[in-house]
Amino acid sequence: MYAVHPRVDIGIEYNPKAKEASPLANVRLLDETRSRPAVMVGTSSDRIGTPEGQSFYATVSKDLSRDIGLPIGPYVGIAYGTFEDRARLIGGANISFGRGFSSLLIFDGVHFHPTVSLHRGRHGASLLFVRSKDIGVSYNIRF
């Protein structure tokens, strides 16, 4: 991922199993405030487990740590996937454990995929539990 602007990230995602590279983009349209959620739009590969396709999404998210005292940030949205040629409701939550450790709970509109991640500086590594059963790994670097 490359931050072309504080609100815009672009990159390339490579899936060795599908032998497919696809564009990544994430744009923060609205920053989160004390009373308003953040609004994001973007694109990535289609759902985890699809053999091909691109996904386009819009989400709203809100860090609830100040409101409820727990380090959790839920999100909801809609995604359109080209593999199935349909839109679906998506959602999940990010939970911060501190010291760079976090868990992202992902519902892609079809399956649930919990993850555990460690971020250090520009580097991040994640352990994915695809469909809550198959194990996968992810590595990313930000420029």
C-alpha atoms as a PDB file:
ATOM      1  CA  MET A   1       0.000   0.000   0.000  1.00  0.00           C
ATOM      2  CA  TYR A   2       1.157   3.503  -0.764  1.00  0.00           C
ATOM      3  CA  ALA A   3      -0.341   6.548   0.948  1.00  0.00           C
ATOM      4  CA  VAL A   4      -0.693   9.058  -1.883  1.00  0.00           C
ATOM      5  CA  HIS A   5      -2.540  11.377   0.518  1.00  0.00           C
ATOM      6  CA  PRO A   6      -3.434  11.088   4.221  1.00  0.00           C
ATOM      7  CA  ARG A   7      -6.945  10.040   3.118  1.00  0.00           C
ATOM      8  CA  VAL A   8      -6.019   7.893   0.087  1.00  0.00           C
ATOM      9  CA  ASP A   9      -4.132   4.572  -0.025  1.00  0.00           C
ATOM     10  CA  ILE A  10      -3.447   2.607  -3.200  1.00  0.00           C
ATOM     11  CA  GLY A  11      -1.696  -0.677  -3.778  1.00  0.00           C
ATOM     12  CA  ILE A  12      -1.614  -4.098  -5.362  1.00  0.00           C
ATOM     13  CA  GLU A  13      -2.899  -7.296  -3.824  1.00  0.00           C
ATOM     14  CA  TYR A  14      -1.448 -10.602  -4.969  1.00  0.00           C
ATOM     15  CA  ASN A  15      -3.158 -13.921  -4.288  1.00  0.00           C
ATOM     16  CA  PRO A  16      -0.689 -16.742  -5.051  1.00  0.00           C
ATOM     17  CA  LYS A  17      -3.363 -19.441  -4.818  1.00  0.00           C
ATOM     18  CA  ALA A  18      -5.502 -17.774  -7.489  1.00  0.00           C
ATOM     19  CA  LYS A  19      -2.402 -16.473  -9.331  1.00  0.00           C
ATOM     20  CA  GLU A  20      -4.136 -13.120  -9.516  1.00  0.00           C
ATOM     21  CA  ALA A  21      -3.048  -9.556  -8.819  1.00  0.00           C
ATOM     22  CA  SER A  22      -5.667  -6.875  -8.302  1.00  0.00           C
ATOM     23  CA  PRO A  23      -5.722  -3.180  -7.438  1.00  0.00           C
ATOM     24  CA  LEU A  24      -6.319  -1.965  -3.910  1.00  0.00           C
ATOM     25  CA  ALA A  25      -7.637   1.479  -3.060  1.00  0.00           C
ATOM     26  CA  ASN A  26      -9.082   2.983   0.075  1.00  0.00           C
ATOM     27  CA  VAL A  27     -10.435   6.537   0.320  1.00  0.00           C
ATOM     28  CA  ARG A  28     -11.613   8.097   3.583  1.00  0.00           C
ATOM     29  CA  LEU A  29     -14.411  10.437   2.524  1.00  0.00           C
ATOM     30  CA  LEU A  30     -15.276  11.606   6.053  1.00  0.00           C
ATOM     31  CA  ASP A  31     -13.125  11.532   9.160  1.00  0.00           C
ATOM     32  CA  GLU A  32     -14.636  10.158  12.324  1.00  0.00           C
ATOM     33  CA  THR A  33     -15.597  12.751  14.924  1.00  0.00           C
ATOM     34  CA  ARG A  34     -16.950  12.364  18.443  1.00  0.00           C
ATOM     35  CA  SER A  35     -20.500  12.247  17.046  1.00  0.00           C
ATOM     36  CA  ARG A  36     -20.012  11.019  13.458  1.00  0.00           C
ATOM     37  CA  PRO A  37     -18.607   7.775  12.028  1.00  0.00           C
ATOM     38  CA  ALA A  38     -15.905   7.656   9.381  1.00  0.00           C
ATOM     39  CA  VAL A  39     -17.012   6.940   5.810  1.00  0.00           C
ATOM     40  CA  MET A  40     -14.748   4.938   3.480  1.00  0.00           C
ATOM     41  CA  VAL A  41     -14.969   3.694  -0.105  1.00  0.00           C
ATOM     42  CA  GLY A  42     -12.588   1.414  -1.916  1.00  0.00           C
ATOM     43  CA  THR A  43     -11.808  -1.615  -3.990  1.00  0.00           C
ATOM     44  CA  SER A  44      -9.982  -4.913  -3.455  1.00  0.00           C
ATOM     45  CA  SER A  45     -10.126  -8.485  -4.644  1.00  0.00           C
ATOM     46  CA  ASP A  46     -13.549 -10.092  -4.326  1.00  0.00           C
ATOM     47  CA  ARG A  47     -14.551 -12.098  -1.249  1.00  0.00           C
ATOM     48  CA  ILE A  48     -11.982 -14.311   0.462  1.00  0.00           C
ATOM     49  CA  GLY A  49     -12.194 -17.694  -1.240  1.00  0.00           C
ATOM     50  CA  THR A  50     -13.501 -16.602  -4.632  1.00  0.00           C
ATOM     51  CA  PRO A  51     -11.245 -17.664  -7.507  1.00  0.00           C
ATOM     52  CA  GLU A  52     -11.355 -14.239  -9.191  1.00  0.00           C
ATOM     53  CA  GLY A  53     -13.128 -10.911  -9.244  1.00  0.00           C
ATOM     54  CA  GLN A  54     -12.997  -7.409  -7.854  1.00  0.00           C
ATOM     55  CA  SER A  55     -14.993  -5.907  -5.004  1.00  0.00           C
ATOM     56  CA  PHE A  56     -16.128  -2.294  -4.585  1.00  0.00           C
ATOM     57  CA  TYR A  57     -17.294  -1.193  -1.148  1.00  0.00           C
ATOM     58  CA  ALA A  58     -18.540   1.636   1.051  1.00  0.00           C
ATOM     59  CA  THR A  59     -18.431   1.422   4.849  1.00  0.00           C
ATOM     60  CA  VAL A  60     -19.091   3.460   7.952  1.00  0.00           C
ATOM     61  CA  SER A  61     -17.048   2.796  11.092  1.00  0.00           C
ATOM     62  CA  LYS A  62     -16.837   4.200  14.606  1.00  0.00           C
ATOM     63  CA  ASP A  63     -14.252   3.755  17.353  1.00  0.00           C
ATOM     64  CA  LEU A  64     -16.325   3.089  20.472  1.00  0.00           C
ATOM     65  CA  SER A  65     -13.474   3.060  23.004  1.00  0.00           C
ATOM     66  CA  ARG A  66     -14.406   6.488  24.443  1.00  0.00           C
ATOM     67  CA  ASP A  67     -18.118   5.662  24.553  1.00  0.00           C
ATOM     68  CA  ILE A  68     -18.088   2.172  26.068  1.00  0.00           C
ATOM     69  CA  GLY A  69     -14.579   1.869  27.470  1.00  0.00           C
ATOM     70  CA  LEU A  70     -13.610  -1.089  25.259  1.00  0.00           C
ATOM     71  CA  PRO A  71     -11.078  -0.880  22.377  1.00  0.00           C
ATOM     72  CA  ILE A  72     -13.530  -1.862  19.645  1.00  0.00           C
ATOM     73  CA  GLY A  73     -14.430  -0.274  16.325  1.00  0.00           C
ATOM     74  CA  PRO A  74     -17.365  -1.818  14.462  1.00  0.00           C
ATOM     75  CA  TYR A  75     -18.101  -1.216  10.784  1.00  0.00           C
ATOM     76  CA  VAL A  76     -21.017  -1.885   8.432  1.00  0.00           C
ATOM     77  CA  GLY A  77     -21.370  -1.358   4.732  1.00  0.00           C
ATOM     78  CA  ILE A  78     -22.221  -2.662   1.325  1.00  0.00           C
ATOM     79  CA  ALA A  79     -19.941  -4.393  -1.181  1.00  0.00           C
ATOM     80  CA  TYR A  80     -20.467  -5.241  -4.821  1.00  0.00           C
ATOM     81  CA  GLY A  81     -18.492  -8.255  -6.052  1.00  0.00           C
ATOM     82  CA  THR A  82     -17.876  -8.980  -9.722  1.00  0.00           C
ATOM     83  CA  PHE A  83     -17.439 -12.748  -9.182  1.00  0.00           C
ATOM     84  CA  GLU A  84     -21.092 -13.213  -8.213  1.00  0.00           C
ATOM     85  CA  ASP A  85     -22.243  -9.955  -9.843  1.00  0.00           C
ATOM     86  CA  ARG A  86     -24.182  -8.859  -6.777  1.00  0.00           C
ATOM     87  CA  ALA A  87     -24.178  -6.501  -3.818  1.00  0.00           C
ATOM     88  CA  ARG A  88     -24.154  -7.751  -0.248  1.00  0.00           C
ATOM     89  CA  LEU A  89     -24.203  -6.324   3.280  1.00  0.00           C
ATOM     90  CA  ILE A  90     -20.869  -6.545   5.087  1.00  0.00           C
ATOM     91  CA  GLY A  91     -19.733  -5.812   8.624  1.00  0.00           C
ATOM     92  CA  GLY A  92     -17.373  -6.589  11.416  1.00  0.00           C
ATOM     93  CA  ALA A  93     -15.236  -5.055  14.108  1.00  0.00           C
ATOM     94  CA  ASN A  94     -11.634  -4.238  14.875  1.00  0.00           C
ATOM     95  CA  ILE A  95     -10.458  -4.981  18.417  1.00  0.00           C
ATOM     96  CA  SER A  96      -7.168  -3.490  19.635  1.00  0.00           C
ATOM     97  CA  PHE A  97      -5.137  -5.373  22.220  1.00  0.00           C
ATOM     98  CA  GLY A  98      -2.304  -2.818  22.355  1.00  0.00           C
ATOM     99  CA  ARG A  99       1.394  -3.091  21.444  1.00  0.00           C
ATOM    100  CA  GLY A 100       0.487  -3.524  17.763  1.00  0.00           C
ATOM    101  CA  PHE A 101      -1.766  -6.559  18.289  1.00  0.00           C
ATOM    102  CA  SER A 102      -5.342  -6.503  17.008  1.00  0.00           C
ATOM    103  CA  SER A 103      -8.119  -8.701  15.722  1.00  0.00           C
ATOM    104  CA  LEU A 104     -10.328  -7.889  12.756  1.00  0.00           C
ATOM    105  CA  LEU A 105     -13.600  -9.794  12.674  1.00  0.00           C
ATOM    106  CA  ILE A 106     -14.833  -9.830   9.067  1.00  0.00           C
ATOM    107  CA  PHE A 107     -18.255 -10.759   7.721  1.00  0.00           C
ATOM    108  CA  ASP A 108     -18.003 -10.511   3.927  1.00  0.00           C
ATOM    109  CA  GLY A 109     -21.729 -10.924   3.350  1.00  0.00           C
ATOM    110  CA  VAL A 110     -21.431 -14.695   3.020  1.00  0.00           C
ATOM    111  CA  HIS A 111     -18.796 -16.009   5.455  1.00  0.00           C
ATOM    112  CA  PHE A 112     -17.176 -14.990   8.754  1.00  0.00           C
ATOM    113  CA  HIS A 113     -13.366 -14.623   8.806  1.00  0.00           C
ATOM    114  CA  PRO A 114     -11.657 -13.741  12.116  1.00  0.00           C
ATOM    115  CA  THR A 115      -8.065 -12.505  11.952  1.00  0.00           C
ATOM    116  CA  VAL A 116      -5.239 -11.781  14.395  1.00  0.00           C
ATOM    117  CA  SER A 117      -2.639  -9.193  13.382  1.00  0.00           C
ATOM    118  CA  LEU A 118       0.636  -7.681  14.496  1.00  0.00           C
ATOM    119  CA  HIS A 119       1.768  -4.304  13.133  1.00  0.00           C
ATOM    120  CA  ARG A 120       5.235  -2.853  13.638  1.00  0.00           C
ATOM    121  CA  GLY A 121       5.995   0.410  11.870  1.00  0.00           C
ATOM    122  CA  ARG A 122       5.321  -0.015   8.141  1.00  0.00           C
ATOM    123  CA  HIS A 123       4.969  -3.815   8.377  1.00  0.00           C
ATOM    124  CA  GLY A 124       1.946  -5.929   9.221  1.00  0.00           C
ATOM    125  CA  ALA A 125       1.312  -9.652   9.399  1.00  0.00           C
ATOM    126  CA  SER A 126      -2.027 -11.381   9.888  1.00  0.00           C
ATOM    127  CA  LEU A 127      -3.226 -14.873  10.591  1.00  0.00           C
ATOM    128  CA  LEU A 128      -6.611 -15.455   8.951  1.00  0.00           C
ATOM    129  CA  PHE A 129      -9.165 -18.081   9.792  1.00  0.00           C
ATOM    130  CA  VAL A 130     -10.919 -18.255   6.418  1.00  0.00           C
ATOM    131  CA  ARG A 131     -14.552 -19.237   6.866  1.00  0.00           C
ATOM    132  CA  SER A 132     -13.569 -19.726  10.535  1.00  0.00           C
ATOM    133  CA  LYS A 133     -11.721 -22.950   9.686  1.00  0.00           C
ATOM    134  CA  ASP A 134      -8.995 -22.731   7.006  1.00  0.00           C
ATOM    135  CA  ILE A 135      -5.790 -20.933   7.996  1.00  0.00           C
ATOM    136  CA  GLY A 136      -4.196 -18.273   5.826  1.00  0.00           C
ATOM    137  CA  VAL A 137      -1.529 -15.623   6.222  1.00  0.00           C
ATOM    138  CA  SER A 138      -1.171 -12.091   4.990  1.00  0.00           C
ATOM    139  CA  TYR A 139       1.774  -9.697   4.956  1.00  0.00           C
ATOM    140  CA  ASN A 140       1.677  -6.035   4.030  1.00  0.00           C
ATOM    141  CA  ILE A 141       4.040  -3.112   3.885  1.00  0.00           C
ATOM    142  CA  ARG A 142       3.116   0.567   3.676  1.00  0.00           C
ATOM    143  CA  PHE A 143       5.198   3.093   1.759  1.00  0.00           C
END
